[in-house]
Amino acid sequence: MIEQFRFPSFKTKILQHVFIPLAITWILGAATTMMVASYFVQKAHDRSLLDDAYLISSRVLEIDEYNERKIKLNLTSQDLSTVLFDPVESIYFAIYDPDGKWVAGHGGLTLQLKEAEKKPAFTEYNYQGKSLRSITLHHQTDPDFYVVMAQTTTGRDSMLENLLYISILPQIFILLLLLLWLRKMIRDDLQPLSDLEDNMRHRDSNNLNPLNLDAKVSDIQKLGNSFNSLMSRIQEQVKAQREFSGNIAHEMRTPLAGIRALAEYGVKNQSPEVMKDQLVAILGTQDKASRLIDQLIALALADEARNSVVLETIALDEVARDTLIRFLPRADAMGIDLGGMGLDAPCNIKAHRPLLEGILNNLIDNAMRHGCDFSNQKPNITVAIVKTIYANEPIQLRVIDEGSGLSNEQKQQALARWSKGKKTAESSNGSGLGLSIVSEYARLMNAQFSLEDNPQSKGLMACVRFLPA
């Protein structure tokens, strides 16, 4: 079995992002410090060598020996020991004539004739198994000669090593302390995140209660608040689904039980008239059950279509006319005057045709079932399209009835699922889902649905406001 790749923890990534640049910066700084220190230490040693070379050159004399001019070092052995004394380094010197011939001092020291013509020349080399730093000084005034002064580099190297230990090692110690401090601080700051992870890992799937997150960092606090907000929304959704499922079971049980009771009564009574009446009643009950199932399917489809609805340009006038014509036979059979207003002028909106048809079907059906008063005269239901003179103003689709209307409180309740008005509850004619379906469909199309009073007379006006195309 292939082991799954494990990503580094958040704490490790933060430490890497902080410590690696810090370590690189420290290394570059330490290297720069050592280079600068080495440069100035070298300059100090070179200055000391140059001073010694000038001291030796000041004691060189020109003599006449057997009618031949020669140069001579005018130093006693004691004076020479004093000049060459150093408690750490070994110092060597040599004097050469203008032709590069050795005159005095230690033989074998490197003479830089060409390099020392214009200025003192420095170089490093091995002499008798020792590393030397030497200077060649050309004394150009009378007499003309060269002085080579050399010194071992033991003291210089030791000084640089001591400087390295004194400056670098404490910095390493401080850097390690800083790493430990950062590790502790990051762990403390991220502890609420670990607690959140542990809580989610061990939390029961039925536990949707909010978390008590004690975070000192605003980002983690925001994460905890977002998680609690998500849990709250899920809890509300689960509660709504449970209520919805319970209501479905209750609403479906009623027509099914009615169908069974009607069928049993018809079986017990052999009279053809009774059996016919029972069959007609069964058909009516089955029609209610079918309508309830259709509405439940519509709500389920609306929930699934939340992220997949594509809005396009729809001719609202055409859809309204087609729907109105489809309901005319039923309206005539019920004695309802179903008419339209503003349906002749072209009117385009941004919508989804199946959802738009579903809105019209439910609003007209709801008005025919619950918005008609047959006591005095033939009831009127009007499907209207209202546009303003402004291009960006919403286009209103209205379904207006002349029923008893609703109070403001009843209007709010009517938009909830399974909400039934007094008339509907008494007649058991309806499930209380129609207006909630309209509200959900309107929301999916970025439209606004509202229930308002009939502006002309008593009754109710269902209004859906669409964005113009």
Protein backbone atom coordinates (compact mmCIF):
# COMPACT_ATOMS: atom_id res chain seq x y z
CA MET A 1 0.00 0.00 0.00
CA ILE A 2 1.42 3.37 -1.02
CA GLU A 3 1.78 5.67 1.96
CA GLN A 4 -0.10 8.90 1.52
CA PHE A 5 2.09 11.97 1.25
CA ARG A 6 1.93 14.09 4.39
CA PHE A 7 2.10 17.82 3.99
CA PRO A 8 4.03 19.82 6.60
CA SER A 9 2.03 21.39 9.40
CA PHE A 10 1.04 25.04 9.45
CA LYS A 11 3.41 25.64 12.36
CA THR A 12 6.32 24.06 10.47
CA LYS A 13 5.60 26.12 7.35
CA ILE A 14 5.53 29.36 9.37
CA LEU A 15 8.82 28.44 11.08
CA GLN A 16 10.36 27.67 7.70
CA HIS A 17 9.17 30.94 6.20
CA VAL A 18 10.53 32.88 9.19
CA PHE A 19 13.67 30.99 10.18
CA ILE A 20 15.16 30.14 6.77
CA PRO A 21 15.31 33.78 5.57
CA LEU A 22 16.54 34.77 9.03
CA ALA A 23 19.29 32.12 8.92
CA ILE A 24 20.32 33.12 5.39
CA THR A 25 20.43 36.77 6.44
CA TRP A 26 22.51 35.85 9.49
CA ILE A 27 24.96 33.79 7.39
CA LEU A 28 25.37 36.62 4.88
CA GLY A 29 25.80 39.12 7.72
CA ALA A 30 28.35 36.91 9.47
CA ALA A 31 30.28 36.41 6.22
CA THR A 32 30.27 40.17 5.59
CA THR A 33 31.45 40.81 9.15
CA MET A 34 34.32 38.34 8.76
CA MET A 35 35.32 39.83 5.41
CA VAL A 36 35.35 43.37 6.83
CA ALA A 37 37.20 42.23 9.96
CA SER A 38 39.75 40.30 7.88
CA TYR A 39 40.29 43.34 5.68
CA PHE A 40 40.98 45.73 8.56
CA VAL A 41 43.10 43.21 10.49
CA GLN A 42 45.15 42.67 7.36
CA LYS A 43 45.50 46.43 6.90
CA ALA A 44 46.78 46.76 10.49
CA HIS A 45 49.34 43.98 10.02
CA ASP A 46 50.45 45.42 6.69
CA ARG A 47 50.92 48.82 8.33
CA SER A 48 53.06 47.21 11.01
CA LEU A 49 55.16 45.47 8.36
CA LEU A 50 55.57 48.75 6.47
CA ASP A 51 56.69 50.56 9.63
CA ASP A 52 59.26 47.83 10.31
CA ALA A 53 60.48 48.05 6.71
CA TYR A 54 60.92 51.83 7.03
CA LEU A 55 62.77 51.31 10.31
CA ILE A 56 65.18 48.84 8.72
CA SER A 57 65.67 51.06 5.66
CA SER A 58 66.54 54.02 7.89
CA ARG A 59 69.51 52.06 9.27
CA VAL A 60 70.98 51.17 5.90
CA LEU A 61 74.14 53.12 4.98
CA GLU A 62 76.26 53.41 1.87
CA ILE A 63 80.01 52.81 2.42
CA ASP A 64 83.13 52.97 0.26
CA GLU A 65 85.09 49.75 0.52
CA TYR A 66 88.17 49.32 -1.58
CA ASN A 67 87.04 52.09 -3.92
CA GLU A 68 83.70 50.30 -4.36
CA ARG A 69 80.41 51.73 -3.11
CA LYS A 70 78.39 49.25 -1.06
CA ILE A 71 75.41 49.29 1.28
CA LYS A 72 75.54 48.14 4.87
CA LEU A 73 73.04 47.61 7.68
CA ASN A 74 74.02 49.77 10.60
CA LEU A 75 72.41 47.70 13.39
CA THR A 76 73.98 45.78 16.21
CA SER A 77 72.77 42.33 17.10
CA GLN A 78 70.98 43.70 20.17
CA ASP A 79 69.28 46.43 18.15
CA LEU A 80 68.29 43.88 15.52
CA SER A 81 66.79 41.59 18.16
CA THR A 82 64.77 44.51 19.50
CA VAL A 83 63.47 45.39 16.02
CA LEU A 84 62.57 41.80 15.18
CA PHE A 85 61.02 40.95 18.56
CA ASP A 86 57.40 39.79 18.60
CA PRO A 87 55.89 37.55 21.29
CA VAL A 88 53.67 35.71 18.80
CA GLU A 89 55.00 36.08 15.28
CA SER A 90 58.34 35.28 13.70
CA ILE A 91 59.75 38.27 11.81
CA TYR A 92 62.24 38.07 8.96
CA PHE A 93 63.98 40.68 6.86
CA ALA A 94 66.40 40.93 3.98
CA ILE A 95 68.21 43.74 2.18
CA TYR A 96 68.94 43.58 -1.53
CA ASP A 97 70.96 45.88 -3.78
CA PRO A 98 69.40 47.44 -6.89
CA ASP A 99 70.32 44.37 -8.92
CA GLY A 100 68.46 42.06 -6.54
CA LYS A 101 71.59 40.70 -4.88
CA TRP A 102 71.23 39.74 -1.25
CA VAL A 103 73.13 42.02 1.11
CA ALA A 104 71.97 41.24 4.65
CA GLY A 105 69.25 39.54 6.65
CA HIS A 106 67.52 36.22 6.05
CA GLY A 107 68.22 34.62 2.73
CA GLY A 108 65.50 33.13 0.59
CA LEU A 109 62.84 35.78 1.14
CA THR A 110 60.92 36.60 -2.01
CA LEU A 111 61.93 39.88 -3.64
CA GLN A 112 59.31 41.62 -5.81
CA LEU A 113 61.46 43.85 -8.01
CA LYS A 114 58.92 44.92 -10.61
CA GLU A 115 55.96 45.12 -8.24
CA ALA A 116 57.82 47.38 -5.78
CA GLU A 117 59.05 49.92 -8.34
CA LYS A 118 56.24 52.42 -7.69
CA LYS A 119 54.78 51.40 -4.31
CA PRO A 120 55.35 48.82 -1.58
CA ALA A 121 54.31 45.36 -2.75
CA PHE A 122 52.68 42.79 -0.47
CA THR A 123 52.53 39.04 -1.02
CA GLU A 124 52.07 35.76 0.84
CA TYR A 125 54.10 32.56 0.49
CA ASN A 126 55.61 29.68 2.45
CA TYR A 127 59.07 30.03 3.92
CA GLN A 128 60.75 27.20 5.80
CA GLY A 129 57.36 25.54 6.25
CA LYS A 130 55.71 28.68 7.58
CA SER A 131 53.08 30.90 5.99
CA LEU A 132 54.46 34.43 5.60
CA ARG A 133 53.06 37.81 4.72
CA SER A 134 55.84 39.99 3.27
CA ILE A 135 56.39 43.49 1.93
CA THR A 136 59.01 44.65 -0.56
CA LEU A 137 60.02 48.31 -0.07
CA HIS A 138 62.11 50.06 -2.71
CA HIS A 139 64.33 52.79 -1.25
CA GLN A 140 64.93 54.90 -4.38
CA THR A 141 66.96 57.78 -2.87
CA ASP A 142 70.71 57.53 -2.46
CA PRO A 143 71.59 54.81 -1.66
CA ASP A 144 69.29 52.66 -3.85
CA PHE A 145 68.24 49.30 -2.31
CA TYR A 146 65.31 47.00 -1.48
CA VAL A 147 64.05 45.93 1.93
CA VAL A 148 61.97 42.77 2.31
CA MET A 149 60.09 42.47 5.59
CA ALA A 150 58.17 39.26 6.31
CA GLN A 151 56.05 38.04 9.20
CA THR A 152 54.24 34.81 9.96
CA THR A 153 50.43 34.91 9.92
CA THR A 154 49.82 32.88 13.07
CA GLY A 155 48.70 35.86 15.15
CA ARG A 156 46.53 37.26 12.41
CA ASP A 157 44.80 33.92 11.82
CA SER A 158 44.39 33.42 15.56
CA MET A 159 42.84 36.87 15.90
CA LEU A 160 40.37 36.14 13.11
CA GLU A 161 39.46 32.79 14.68
CA ASN A 162 38.91 34.45 18.06
CA LEU A 163 36.79 37.11 16.38
CA LEU A 164 34.79 34.35 14.70
CA TYR A 165 34.18 32.55 17.98
CA ILE A 166 33.45 35.70 19.96
CA SER A 167 31.00 37.19 17.45
CA ILE A 168 29.50 34.18 15.65
CA LEU A 169 28.94 31.70 18.48
CA PRO A 170 26.85 34.10 20.61
CA GLN A 171 24.83 34.92 17.51
CA ILE A 172 24.20 31.20 16.94
CA PHE A 173 23.07 30.88 20.55
CA ILE A 174 20.77 33.91 20.19
CA LEU A 175 19.43 32.51 16.92
CA LEU A 176 18.60 29.18 18.57
CA LEU A 177 16.88 30.99 21.44
CA LEU A 178 14.92 33.00 18.89
CA LEU A 179 13.92 29.78 17.11
CA LEU A 180 12.69 28.23 20.36
CA TRP A 181 10.79 31.40 21.26
CA LEU A 182 9.20 31.60 17.80
CA ARG A 183 8.26 27.92 17.98
CA LYS A 184 6.56 28.42 21.34
CA MET A 185 4.75 31.61 20.29
CA ILE A 186 3.54 30.09 17.02
CA ARG A 187 2.40 26.94 18.83
CA ASP A 188 0.48 29.02 21.39
CA ASP A 189 -1.10 31.20 18.70
CA LEU A 190 -2.09 28.17 16.61
CA GLN A 191 -3.34 26.12 19.56
CA PRO A 192 -6.97 27.23 18.95
CA LEU A 193 -6.60 25.95 15.39
CA SER A 194 -5.41 22.59 16.73
CA ASP A 195 -8.32 22.59 19.18
CA LEU A 196 -10.69 23.31 16.29
CA GLU A 197 -9.20 20.43 14.29
CA ASP A 198 -9.41 18.06 17.26
CA ASN A 199 -13.00 19.11 17.97
CA MET A 200 -14.08 18.54 14.38
CA ARG A 201 -12.29 15.17 14.20
CA HIS A 202 -13.93 13.79 17.34
CA ARG A 203 -17.30 15.51 16.96
CA ASP A 204 -20.35 13.35 16.43
CA SER A 205 -22.10 13.84 13.10
CA ASN A 206 -25.31 14.79 14.92
CA ASN A 207 -23.61 17.45 17.03
CA LEU A 208 -24.17 20.80 15.30
CA ASN A 209 -23.64 23.01 18.34
CA PRO A 210 -21.27 26.02 17.95
CA LEU A 211 -17.67 25.85 19.13
CA ASN A 212 -16.24 27.76 22.07
CA LEU A 213 -13.03 29.01 20.43
CA ASP A 214 -10.61 31.03 22.58
CA ALA A 215 -8.35 32.54 19.90
CA LYS A 216 -5.86 35.39 20.26
CA VAL A 217 -5.49 35.81 16.50
CA SER A 218 -8.23 37.51 14.50
CA ASP A 219 -7.83 35.17 11.51
CA ILE A 220 -8.41 32.07 13.64
CA GLN A 221 -11.30 33.82 15.39
CA LYS A 222 -12.84 34.56 11.97
CA LEU A 223 -12.35 30.91 10.99
CA GLY A 224 -14.11 29.79 14.16
CA ASN A 225 -16.95 32.26 13.60
CA SER A 226 -17.31 31.05 10.00
CA PHE A 227 -17.41 27.45 11.20
CA ASN A 228 -20.04 28.29 13.82
CA SER A 229 -22.04 30.17 11.19
CA LEU A 230 -21.84 27.11 8.93
CA MET A 231 -22.97 24.85 11.78
CA SER A 232 -25.86 27.21 12.48
CA ARG A 233 -26.96 27.16 8.84
CA ILE A 234 -26.65 23.37 8.67
CA GLN A 235 -28.61 23.06 11.90
CA GLU A 236 -31.38 25.25 10.51
CA GLN A 237 -31.34 23.29 7.26
CA VAL A 238 -31.52 19.95 9.07
CA LYS A 239 -34.32 21.26 11.26
CA ALA A 240 -36.20 22.49 8.20
CA GLN A 241 -35.68 19.17 6.42
CA ARG A 242 -36.95 17.25 9.44
CA GLU A 243 -40.00 19.47 9.66
CA PHE A 244 -40.46 19.18 5.91
CA SER A 245 -40.22 15.37 6.07
CA GLY A 246 -42.66 15.25 8.97
CA ASN A 247 -45.10 17.50 7.16
CA ILE A 248 -44.78 15.40 4.01
CA ALA A 249 -45.60 12.26 5.98
CA HIS A 250 -48.56 13.97 7.61
CA GLU A 251 -49.91 15.53 4.40
CA MET A 252 -49.51 12.31 2.40
CA ARG A 253 -51.10 10.21 5.13
CA THR A 254 -54.34 12.21 4.94
CA PRO A 255 -55.24 11.62 1.23
CA LEU A 256 -54.00 8.03 1.32
CA ALA A 257 -56.10 7.29 4.39
CA GLY A 258 -59.06 9.00 2.72
CA ILE A 259 -58.67 6.91 -0.43
CA ARG A 260 -58.53 3.74 1.66
CA ALA A 261 -61.60 4.72 3.68
CA LEU A 262 -63.57 5.56 0.53
CA ALA A 263 -62.54 2.29 -1.12
CA GLU A 264 -63.48 0.22 1.95
CA TYR A 265 -66.86 1.94 2.19
CA GLY A 266 -67.52 1.30 -1.51
CA VAL A 267 -66.63 -2.37 -1.12
CA LYS A 268 -69.00 -2.81 1.83
CA ASN A 269 -71.92 -1.13 0.03
CA GLN A 270 -72.99 -2.94 -3.12
CA SER A 271 -75.25 -0.14 -4.32
CA PRO A 272 -74.06 1.13 -7.73
CA GLU A 273 -74.87 4.72 -6.81
CA VAL A 274 -72.82 4.52 -3.62
CA MET A 275 -69.93 2.88 -5.45
CA LYS A 276 -70.06 5.60 -8.13
CA ASP A 277 -70.04 8.35 -5.51
CA GLN A 278 -67.10 6.70 -3.76
CA LEU A 279 -65.15 6.37 -7.02
CA VAL A 280 -65.73 10.05 -7.80
CA ALA A 281 -64.55 10.94 -4.29
CA ILE A 282 -61.50 8.71 -4.74
CA LEU A 283 -60.65 10.52 -7.99
CA GLY A 284 -60.90 13.88 -6.21
CA THR A 285 -58.69 12.73 -3.37
CA GLN A 286 -56.21 11.25 -5.84
CA ASP A 287 -56.12 14.58 -7.68
CA LYS A 288 -55.21 16.36 -4.44
CA ALA A 289 -52.49 13.79 -3.71
CA SER A 290 -51.09 14.14 -7.24
CA ARG A 291 -51.02 17.91 -6.93
CA LEU A 292 -49.23 17.62 -3.58
CA ILE A 293 -46.65 15.27 -5.09
CA ASP A 294 -46.12 17.64 -8.02
CA GLN A 295 -45.51 20.53 -5.63
CA LEU A 296 -43.08 18.48 -3.56
CA ILE A 297 -41.18 17.55 -6.72
CA ALA A 298 -41.14 21.23 -7.72
CA LEU A 299 -39.63 22.20 -4.36
CA ALA A 300 -37.03 19.44 -4.61
CA LEU A 301 -36.08 20.55 -8.12
CA ALA A 302 -35.80 24.14 -6.92
CA ASP A 303 -33.40 23.08 -4.16
CA GLU A 304 -31.27 21.16 -6.67
CA ALA A 305 -31.29 24.00 -9.22
CA ARG A 306 -29.83 26.63 -6.90
CA ASN A 307 -26.42 26.61 -8.59
CA SER A 308 -27.43 25.49 -12.09
CA VAL A 309 -30.10 27.96 -13.22
CA VAL A 310 -29.04 29.84 -16.36
CA LEU A 311 -30.98 33.03 -16.99
CA GLU A 312 -31.76 34.04 -20.56
CA THR A 313 -33.91 36.55 -22.38
CA ILE A 314 -37.56 35.44 -22.15
CA ALA A 315 -40.64 37.06 -23.70
CA LEU A 316 -42.76 37.53 -20.58
CA ASP A 317 -45.83 38.61 -22.57
CA GLU A 318 -45.74 35.39 -24.62
CA VAL A 319 -45.39 33.11 -21.58
CA ALA A 320 -48.18 34.98 -19.76
CA ARG A 321 -50.57 34.70 -22.74
CA ASP A 322 -49.87 30.98 -23.20
CA THR A 323 -50.43 30.27 -19.50
CA LEU A 324 -53.60 32.36 -19.44
CA ILE A 325 -55.05 30.50 -22.43
CA ARG A 326 -54.22 27.18 -20.77
CA PHE A 327 -56.25 28.12 -17.65
CA LEU A 328 -59.28 29.56 -19.51
CA PRO A 329 -61.24 26.27 -19.76
CA ARG A 330 -60.87 25.62 -16.06
CA ALA A 331 -61.82 29.23 -15.24
CA ASP A 332 -64.94 29.01 -17.41
CA ALA A 333 -65.92 25.75 -15.76
CA MET A 334 -65.57 27.37 -12.31
CA GLY A 335 -67.41 30.54 -13.34
CA ILE A 336 -64.36 32.79 -13.02
CA ASP A 337 -63.64 35.77 -15.27
CA LEU A 338 -59.93 35.23 -16.05
CA GLY A 339 -58.41 38.07 -18.05
CA GLY A 340 -55.18 39.84 -18.88
CA MET A 341 -53.81 43.37 -18.94
CA GLY A 342 -50.67 44.65 -20.65
CA LEU A 343 -50.02 41.30 -22.35
CA ASP A 344 -50.05 42.62 -25.92
CA ALA A 345 -46.88 44.76 -25.77
CA PRO A 346 -43.54 42.94 -26.16
CA CYS A 347 -41.76 42.58 -22.84
CA ASN A 348 -38.44 40.78 -22.35
CA ILE A 349 -36.95 39.82 -19.01
CA LYS A 350 -34.01 37.82 -17.67
CA ALA A 351 -35.52 34.55 -16.49
CA HIS A 352 -35.68 30.77 -16.80
CA ARG A 353 -38.72 29.65 -18.80
CA PRO A 354 -39.68 26.50 -16.80
CA LEU A 355 -39.41 28.43 -13.52
CA LEU A 356 -41.36 31.36 -14.97
CA GLU A 357 -44.14 29.01 -16.10
CA GLY A 358 -44.12 27.43 -12.65
CA ILE A 359 -44.60 30.85 -11.04
CA LEU A 360 -47.56 31.69 -13.28
CA ASN A 361 -49.16 28.26 -12.83
CA ASN A 362 -48.97 28.46 -9.05
CA LEU A 363 -50.14 32.07 -8.79
CA ILE A 364 -53.15 31.57 -11.09
CA ASP A 365 -54.03 28.24 -9.45
CA ASN A 366 -53.73 29.79 -6.00
CA ALA A 367 -55.96 32.72 -7.00
CA MET A 368 -58.60 30.39 -8.49
CA ARG A 369 -58.62 28.18 -5.40
CA HIS A 370 -58.45 30.77 -2.62
CA GLY A 371 -59.02 34.23 -4.11
CA CYS A 372 -62.55 33.98 -5.45
CA ASP A 373 -65.74 35.11 -3.73
CA PHE A 374 -68.76 33.49 -5.40
CA SER A 375 -71.31 34.99 -3.00
CA ASN A 376 -72.26 38.14 -4.93
CA GLN A 377 -71.06 38.14 -8.52
CA LYS A 378 -68.74 36.43 -10.97
CA PRO A 379 -65.22 36.73 -9.49
CA ASN A 380 -62.43 38.34 -11.51
CA ILE A 381 -58.78 37.29 -11.75
CA THR A 382 -56.38 39.45 -13.76
CA VAL A 383 -52.90 38.58 -15.02
CA ALA A 384 -51.09 41.88 -15.67
CA ILE A 385 -47.66 43.02 -16.85
CA VAL A 386 -46.64 46.49 -15.67
CA LYS A 387 -43.66 48.40 -17.08
CA THR A 388 -42.41 51.88 -16.25
CA ILE A 389 -40.92 54.47 -18.60
CA TYR A 390 -37.47 53.91 -17.10
CA ALA A 391 -35.36 51.25 -18.81
CA ASN A 392 -33.67 49.94 -15.66
CA GLU A 393 -36.79 49.71 -13.51
CA PRO A 394 -38.04 46.18 -12.66
CA ILE A 395 -40.87 44.70 -14.74
CA GLN A 396 -43.83 43.58 -12.63
CA LEU A 397 -45.85 40.42 -13.20
CA ARG A 398 -49.10 40.67 -11.24
CA VAL A 399 -51.87 38.17 -10.51
CA ILE A 400 -54.78 40.07 -8.95
CA ASP A 401 -57.91 38.58 -7.38
CA GLU A 402 -60.98 40.04 -5.67
CA GLY A 403 -61.18 37.68 -2.74
CA SER A 404 -61.20 38.45 0.95
CA GLY A 405 -57.52 39.39 0.97
CA LEU A 406 -54.96 38.87 3.74
CA SER A 407 -53.73 40.90 6.67
CA ASN A 408 -50.05 41.87 6.87
CA GLU A 409 -49.37 39.07 9.33
CA GLN A 410 -51.16 36.54 7.12
CA LYS A 411 -49.13 37.71 4.11
CA GLN A 412 -45.90 36.90 5.92
CA GLN A 413 -47.21 33.52 7.05
CA ALA A 414 -48.46 32.65 3.57
CA LEU A 415 -44.90 32.62 2.19
CA ALA A 416 -43.83 29.83 4.56
CA ARG A 417 -44.04 26.19 3.55
CA TRP A 418 -47.17 24.30 4.62
CA SER A 419 -48.82 27.56 5.58
CA LYS A 420 -52.58 27.46 4.94
CA GLY A 421 -55.08 30.23 5.18
CA LYS A 422 -58.26 29.88 7.20
CA LYS A 423 -60.33 29.09 4.13
CA THR A 424 -57.83 26.51 2.90
CA ALA A 425 -57.56 24.83 6.27
CA GLU A 426 -61.33 24.52 6.56
CA SER A 427 -61.73 23.04 3.09
CA SER A 428 -58.51 20.97 3.07
CA ASN A 429 -58.15 22.23 -0.50
CA GLY A 430 -54.43 22.78 -0.84
CA SER A 431 -51.16 21.91 0.81
CA GLY A 432 -49.73 25.33 1.61
CA LEU A 433 -46.79 24.95 -0.78
CA GLY A 434 -47.83 27.05 -3.78
CA LEU A 435 -46.62 30.46 -2.62
CA SER A 436 -43.41 29.05 -1.12
CA ILE A 437 -42.66 27.51 -4.54
CA VAL A 438 -43.24 30.90 -6.18
CA SER A 439 -40.94 32.58 -3.65
CA GLU A 440 -38.19 30.00 -4.23
CA TYR A 441 -38.48 30.20 -8.03
CA ALA A 442 -38.33 34.00 -7.91
CA ARG A 443 -35.21 33.91 -5.76
CA LEU A 444 -33.51 31.54 -8.22
CA MET A 445 -34.13 34.07 -11.02
CA ASN A 446 -32.94 37.08 -8.95
CA ALA A 447 -36.52 38.36 -8.84
CA GLN A 448 -38.53 39.69 -5.89
CA PHE A 449 -41.88 38.20 -4.84
CA SER A 450 -44.34 39.98 -2.59
CA LEU A 451 -47.99 39.83 -1.55
CA GLU A 452 -49.81 43.17 -1.62
CA ASP A 453 -53.35 44.48 -1.38
CA ASN A 454 -55.41 44.81 -4.55
CA PRO A 455 -54.99 48.52 -5.47
CA GLN A 456 -58.43 48.70 -7.13
CA SER A 457 -60.69 46.93 -4.63
CA LYS A 458 -60.59 44.25 -1.99
CA GLY A 459 -58.51 41.17 -2.64
CA LEU A 460 -54.86 40.24 -3.03
CA MET A 461 -52.17 41.10 -5.56
CA ALA A 462 -49.26 38.68 -5.98
CA CYS A 463 -46.39 40.62 -7.58
CA VAL A 464 -43.09 39.32 -8.99
CA ARG A 465 -40.51 41.94 -10.03
CA PHE A 466 -38.05 40.85 -12.74
CA LEU A 467 -34.91 42.47 -14.09
CA PRO A 468 -35.38 43.72 -17.67
CA ALA A 469 -33.37 42.03 -20.41
